[in-house]
C-alpha atoms as a PDB file:
ATOM      1  CA  UNK A   1      -0.227  -0.161   0.168  1.00  0.00           C
ATOM      2  CA  UNK A   2       1.517   3.646  -1.089  1.00  0.00           C
ATOM      3  CA  UNK A   3       1.395   6.008   1.428  1.00  0.00           C
ATOM      4  CA  UNK A   4       1.697   9.933   1.453  1.00  0.00           C
ATOM      5  CA  UNK A   5       2.060  12.911   3.939  1.00  0.00           C
ATOM      6  CA  UNK A   6      -0.443  15.020   3.490  1.00  0.00           C
ATOM      7  CA  UNK A   7      -1.963  18.223   4.893  1.00  0.00           C
ATOM      8  CA  UNK A   8      -5.543  17.697   5.736  1.00  0.00           C
ATOM      9  CA  UNK A   9      -8.612  20.421   6.040  1.00  0.00           C
ATOM     10  CA  UNK A  10     -11.349  18.484   7.914  1.00  0.00           C
ATOM     11  CA  UNK A  11     -14.541  19.895   7.805  1.00  0.00           C
ATOM     12  CA  UNK A  12     -17.355  18.265  10.180  1.00  0.00           C
ATOM     13  CA  UNK A  13     -20.889  20.152   9.891  1.00  0.00           C
ATOM     14  CA  UNK A  14     -24.164  18.741  11.808  1.00  0.00           C
ATOM     15  CA  UNK A  15     -27.732  19.468  11.514  1.00  0.00           C
ATOM     16  CA  UNK A  16     -30.581  18.781  13.964  1.00  0.00           C
ATOM     17  CA  UNK A  17     -33.729  20.236  12.841  1.00  0.00           C
ATOM     18  CA  UNK A  18     -35.694  18.756  16.233  1.00  0.00           C
ATOM     19  CA  UNK A  19     -32.705  20.106  18.372  1.00  0.00           C
ATOM     20  CA  UNK A  20     -31.060  23.217  16.252  1.00  0.00           C
ATOM     21  CA  UNK A  21     -29.093  23.737  19.729  1.00  0.00           C
ATOM     22  CA  UNK A  22     -26.947  20.404  18.715  1.00  0.00           C
ATOM     23  CA  UNK A  23     -25.975  22.377  15.305  1.00  0.00           C
ATOM     24  CA  UNK A  24     -22.627  22.867  14.891  1.00  0.00           C
ATOM     25  CA  UNK A  25     -19.489  22.856  12.585  1.00  0.00           C
ATOM     26  CA  UNK A  26     -15.838  22.665  12.938  1.00  0.00           C
ATOM     27  CA  UNK A  27     -12.731  23.012  10.736  1.00  0.00           C
ATOM     28  CA  UNK A  28      -9.072  21.209  11.822  1.00  0.00           C
ATOM     29  CA  UNK A  29      -6.292  22.022   9.188  1.00  0.00           C
ATOM     30  CA  UNK A  30      -4.227  18.912  10.073  1.00  0.00           C
ATOM     31  CA  UNK A  31      -1.185  16.882   8.917  1.00  0.00           C
ATOM     32  CA  UNK A  32      -1.640  13.249   8.158  1.00  0.00           C
ATOM     33  CA  UNK A  33      -1.328   9.831   5.793  1.00  0.00           C
ATOM     34  CA  UNK A  34      -2.966   8.961   2.983  1.00  0.00           C
ATOM     35  CA  UNK A  35      -2.909   5.351   1.345  1.00  0.00           C
ATOM     36  CA  UNK A  36      -4.158   4.064  -2.108  1.00  0.00           C
ATOM     37  CA  UNK A  37      -5.093   0.442  -1.396  1.00  0.00           C
ATOM     38  CA  UNK A  38      -7.025  -2.245  -2.826  1.00  0.00           C
ATOM     39  CA  UNK A  39     -10.419  -1.574  -0.967  1.00  0.00           C
ATOM     40  CA  UNK A  40     -10.301   2.501  -1.733  1.00  0.00           C
ATOM     41  CA  UNK A  41      -8.468   5.616  -0.206  1.00  0.00           C
ATOM     42  CA  UNK A  42      -7.480   5.533   3.501  1.00  0.00           C
ATOM     43  CA  UNK A  43      -7.113   8.884   5.415  1.00  0.00           C
ATOM     44  CA  UNK A  44      -5.139   8.308   8.724  1.00  0.00           C
ATOM     45  CA  UNK A  45      -4.817  11.762  11.175  1.00  0.00           C
ATOM     46  CA  UNK A  46      -5.286  12.756  15.094  1.00  0.00           C
ATOM     47  CA  UNK A  47      -7.078  15.703  15.706  1.00  0.00           C
ATOM     48  CA  UNK A  48      -8.550  17.228  19.240  1.00  0.00           C
ATOM     49  CA  UNK A  49     -12.546  16.394  20.075  1.00  0.00           C
ATOM     50  CA  UNK A  50     -14.100  19.589  21.966  1.00  0.00           C
ATOM     51  CA  UNK A  51     -14.886  19.197  25.237  1.00  0.00           C
ATOM     52  CA  UNK A  52     -13.452  15.709  25.638  1.00  0.00           C
ATOM     53  CA  UNK A  53      -9.779  14.990  24.414  1.00  0.00           C
ATOM     54  CA  UNK A  54      -7.771  13.764  21.302  1.00  0.00           C
ATOM     55  CA  UNK A  55      -8.358  10.821  19.001  1.00  0.00           C
ATOM     56  CA  UNK A  56      -6.556   9.263  15.828  1.00  0.00           C
ATOM     57  CA  UNK A  57      -8.779   8.524  12.975  1.00  0.00           C
ATOM     58  CA  UNK A  58      -8.935   6.227  10.342  1.00  0.00           C
ATOM     59  CA  UNK A  59     -11.085   6.678   7.246  1.00  0.00           C
ATOM     60  CA  UNK A  60     -11.573   4.076   4.608  1.00  0.00           C
ATOM     61  CA  UNK A  61     -13.271   5.116   1.344  1.00  0.00           C
ATOM     62  CA  UNK A  62     -14.599   2.719  -1.421  1.00  0.00           C
ATOM     63  CA  UNK A  63     -16.753   2.775  -3.914  1.00  0.00           C
ATOM     64  CA  UNK A  64     -20.522   3.228  -2.106  1.00  0.00           C
ATOM     65  CA  UNK A  65     -18.839   2.289   0.980  1.00  0.00           C
ATOM     66  CA  UNK A  66     -16.963   3.788   3.768  1.00  0.00           C
ATOM     67  CA  UNK A  67     -15.792   3.256   7.342  1.00  0.00           C
ATOM     68  CA  UNK A  68     -15.298   5.414  10.493  1.00  0.00           C
ATOM     69  CA  UNK A  69     -12.875   4.600  12.759  1.00  0.00           C
ATOM     70  CA  UNK A  70     -12.082   6.758  16.083  1.00  0.00           C
ATOM     71  CA  UNK A  71      -9.620   5.657  19.015  1.00  0.00           C
ATOM     72  CA  UNK A  72      -8.526   7.462  21.978  1.00  0.00           C
ATOM     73  CA  UNK A  73     -10.936   9.765  23.151  1.00  0.00           C
ATOM     74  CA  UNK A  74     -14.719   8.418  22.415  1.00  0.00           C
ATOM     75  CA  UNK A  75     -14.167   5.360  20.097  1.00  0.00           C
ATOM     76  CA  UNK A  76     -15.803   4.664  17.337  1.00  0.00           C
ATOM     77  CA  UNK A  77     -16.560   1.932  14.414  1.00  0.00           C
ATOM     78  CA  UNK A  78     -18.929   3.066  12.199  1.00  0.00           C
ATOM     79  CA  UNK A  79     -19.393   1.639   8.549  1.00  0.00           C
ATOM     80  CA  UNK A  80     -21.278   3.314   5.736  1.00  0.00           C
ATOM     81  CA  UNK A  81     -23.074   1.760   2.776  1.00  0.00           C
ATOM     82  CA  UNK A  82     -25.443   4.005   0.194  1.00  0.00           C
ATOM     83  CA  UNK A  83     -28.892   3.813   0.958  1.00  0.00           C
ATOM     84  CA  UNK A  84     -28.247   0.807   3.924  1.00  0.00           C
ATOM     85  CA  UNK A  85     -29.057   1.263   7.429  1.00  0.00           C
ATOM     86  CA  UNK A  86     -25.817   0.180   9.356  1.00  0.00           C
ATOM     87  CA  UNK A  87     -24.778  -0.808  13.192  1.00  0.00           C
ATOM     88  CA  UNK A  88     -21.689   0.772  14.930  1.00  0.00           C
ATOM     89  CA  UNK A  89     -20.996   1.403  18.026  1.00  0.00           C
ATOM     90  CA  UNK A  90     -19.614   4.238  19.894  1.00  0.00           C
ATOM     91  CA  UNK A  91     -18.302   5.059  23.824  1.00  0.00           C
ATOM     92  CA  UNK A  92     -19.347   8.068  25.479  1.00  0.00           C
ATOM     93  CA  UNK A  93     -18.923   8.795  28.927  1.00  0.00           C
ATOM     94  CA  UNK A  94     -22.194   7.410  29.667  1.00  0.00           C
ATOM     95  CA  UNK A  95     -20.825   3.799  28.326  1.00  0.00           C
ATOM     96  CA  UNK A  96     -21.151   2.368  25.171  1.00  0.00           C
ATOM     97  CA  UNK A  97     -23.853   2.834  22.457  1.00  0.00           C
ATOM     98  CA  UNK A  98     -25.111   1.489  19.578  1.00  0.00           C
ATOM     99  CA  UNK A  99     -25.318   3.539  16.195  1.00  0.00           C
ATOM    100  CA  UNK A 100     -26.711   3.043  13.135  1.00  0.00           C
ATOM    101  CA  UNK A 101     -26.125   5.283  10.326  1.00  0.00           C
ATOM    102  CA  UNK A 102     -27.082   5.323   6.699  1.00  0.00           C
ATOM    103  CA  UNK A 103     -24.885   7.411   3.937  1.00  0.00           C
ATOM    104  CA  UNK A 104     -26.634   9.538   1.857  1.00  0.00           C
ATOM    105  CA  UNK A 105     -22.921  10.556  -0.082  1.00  0.00           C
ATOM    106  CA  UNK A 106     -19.736   8.953  -0.227  1.00  0.00           C
ATOM    107  CA  UNK A 107     -17.271  10.055  -2.901  1.00  0.00           C
ATOM    108  CA  UNK A 108     -13.214  10.322  -2.358  1.00  0.00           C
ATOM    109  CA  UNK A 109     -10.864  11.521  -5.326  1.00  0.00           C
ATOM    110  CA  UNK A 110      -7.362  11.421  -4.848  1.00  0.00           C
ATOM    111  CA  UNK A 111      -5.028  12.985  -8.204  1.00  0.00           C
ATOM    112  CA  UNK A 112      -1.696  11.418  -8.075  1.00  0.00           C
ATOM    113  CA  UNK A 113      -0.477  14.506 -10.638  1.00  0.00           C
ATOM    114  CA  UNK A 114      -1.621  17.313  -8.950  1.00  0.00           C
ATOM    115  CA  UNK A 115      -0.924  15.902  -5.601  1.00  0.00           C
ATOM    116  CA  UNK A 116      -4.033  16.719  -4.328  1.00  0.00           C
ATOM    117  CA  UNK A 117      -7.606  15.641  -3.359  1.00  0.00           C
ATOM    118  CA  UNK A 118     -11.052  15.566  -1.396  1.00  0.00           C
ATOM    119  CA  UNK A 119     -13.679  13.129   0.084  1.00  0.00           C
ATOM    120  CA  UNK A 120     -17.176  14.190   1.048  1.00  0.00           C
ATOM    121  CA  UNK A 121     -19.525  11.806   3.459  1.00  0.00           C
ATOM    122  CA  UNK A 122     -22.744  12.715   4.396  1.00  0.00           C
ATOM    123  CA  UNK A 123     -25.042  10.383   6.750  1.00  0.00           C
ATOM    124  CA  UNK A 124     -27.985  10.417   9.218  1.00  0.00           C
ATOM    125  CA  UNK A 125     -26.629   8.947  12.761  1.00  0.00           C
ATOM    126  CA  UNK A 126     -28.578   7.267  15.227  1.00  0.00           C
ATOM    127  CA  UNK A 127     -27.346   6.568  19.195  1.00  0.00           C
ATOM    128  CA  UNK A 128     -29.107   4.250  20.833  1.00  0.00           C
ATOM    129  CA  UNK A 129     -32.354   4.656  18.164  1.00  0.00           C
ATOM    130  CA  UNK A 130     -32.790   8.339  18.950  1.00  0.00           C
ATOM    131  CA  UNK A 131     -31.707  10.447  15.589  1.00  0.00           C
ATOM    132  CA  UNK A 132     -28.333  12.991  16.468  1.00  0.00           C
ATOM    133  CA  UNK A 133     -28.293  14.537  13.136  1.00  0.00           C
ATOM    134  CA  UNK A 134     -27.362  14.574   9.608  1.00  0.00           C
ATOM    135  CA  UNK A 135     -23.274  14.974   9.915  1.00  0.00           C
ATOM    136  CA  UNK A 136     -21.304  16.454   6.459  1.00  0.00           C
ATOM    137  CA  UNK A 137     -17.722  15.307   6.653  1.00  0.00           C
ATOM    138  CA  UNK A 138     -15.288  17.451   4.144  1.00  0.00           C
ATOM    139  CA  UNK A 139     -11.720  16.472   3.777  1.00  0.00           C
ATOM    140  CA  UNK A 140      -9.472  18.220   1.398  1.00  0.00           C
ATOM    141  CA  UNK A 141      -5.803  17.126   0.934  1.00  0.00           C
ATOM    142  CA  UNK A 142      -2.601  17.643  -0.930  1.00  0.00           C
ATOM    143  CA  UNK A 143       0.903  16.594  -0.796  1.00  0.00           C
ATOM    144  CA  UNK A 144       2.737  17.729   2.209  1.00  0.00           C
ATOM    145  CA  UNK A 145       5.848  17.838   0.275  1.00  0.00           C
ATOM    146  CA  UNK A 146       4.659  18.635  -3.592  1.00  0.00           C
ATOM    147  CA  UNK A 147       7.176  17.719  -5.966  1.00  0.00           C
ATOM    148  CA  UNK A 148       7.720  21.039  -8.468  1.00  0.00           C
END
């Protein structure tokens, strides 16, 4: 699997019409790694979770499917498939909870020649059967050391 050091801009936006105070957006500029494998594109990076702590992320994006993994604070494992409800799990301060997500959009692109790309995930999430919101994850990345 070929890997690359990348600069990454990660934007996460949440919408919950029933609970507007839960809406929010965060934007992080990070360093990470990108890998190209038979199963798709992989993004590896670390970020801080607001009001919690640090977490290490692995995002795998394939054709119509993705896997979100977060280790560290608030561990998460959530598979995503377009139009299909998938069960996962998340560790919250109250304990482990079951998650369900239905993906509306799964896209990823990587242009080796320009050394840049982008990915987008849009999904609805339930925690313990309760609607938690619609999540929009945007990733923009480029090679950390581009060749001129």
